[in-house]
Amino acid sequence: MSLGENTILLNDGHKMPLLGLGVYKADAGTEVEQAIQDAVCSGYRLIDTASVYKNEDGVGRGLKALDVPREELFITTKIWNNAQRLGDVEDSFNRSLERLGLDYVDLYLIHWPVPGCFTNTWKTLEKLQSAGKIKSIGVSNFRIHELELLKSVSDIKPAVNQVEFHPLFNQKELLSYCKSEGIAVQAYAPLARGAYLHSQLLLEIGSRYQKTTAQIGLRWLVQQGVSAIPKSTHKDRILENADIFDFSLTEEEMNAINAMDIKQRTAGIPEDMLPYYQD
């Protein structure tokens, strides 16, 4: 079964797969091309990249080599901070589209909420969506107050808020807010860069289902309706990460994993955004 059949309905009517492949730090050459081939052959349909990853051209070549109809794929990319500051949003998007070799992307995100810029960036995304170049528009790394500010200047809500989210950084309040606003949450770094993979609790839960700790962590996410985009360029791990839809965690197990939260970020914050993210 294609992973594309396990989806979340976005607030604009489009469907997004619950599980996708992240390509952060994947080399733009054969590494990312092979990862995409392996992922799609394993049933993945969502591929997530960004202009700052410097591999959109490699993603484009990987997509071109696929024997899968474009409409079955869900491709995400993102606008970087300096393009927002320069007011270069539309041209930056068009360059991303050209590198990807696509006529449209399924989801375009504001990568970080650059103060004084992101509301204007959002207006440009609305324009590009109206032109048919983007199916869904969303944000990344937005907190509640930034989502509220966006709400005050636009009637169009983000379809997605992509944030770091995993058992060690369980953003319960943000998830609750997004659900109340009809904004889908998508988890990047869902495996916490390996930080919880030796957890005794997850090892114990995994033994009950014959699953790895990574699979338990990913299942915990998707069972809450949180989409996840684990990054891997290894075929065996790509397959392993996908094998999470044949079991369910109990309420007791979900609560136990919830209690692992220690507010531990494992992904970096760009230097230009650090002053705004002092937790």
Foldseek 3Di string as FASTA:
>chain_A
DALLVQWDQFPLGDTDRLEAAEAQLQDLAVLLLLLLVLLVVLRHQEYEEEVVSVNLLSLLVSVVPDPDDPVSHAYEYEDDDVCQVVVVQVVVVVVSCVSNVHQAHAEYEHEECDPPGVLVSVVVVVVCVVVVRYNFYAYEPDAPVRQVVNVVRDVDHHREYEYADWLQAHPPVRCVVCVVVRHAYEHECHCLVVPCQPPPLLVVVCVVVVAGSLLVGSLLQVVSVYRYHYYDSDSVVSNRNSPNPPDHDDPVSSVVSNVNYPNDHSDDDDPVCVVVPPD
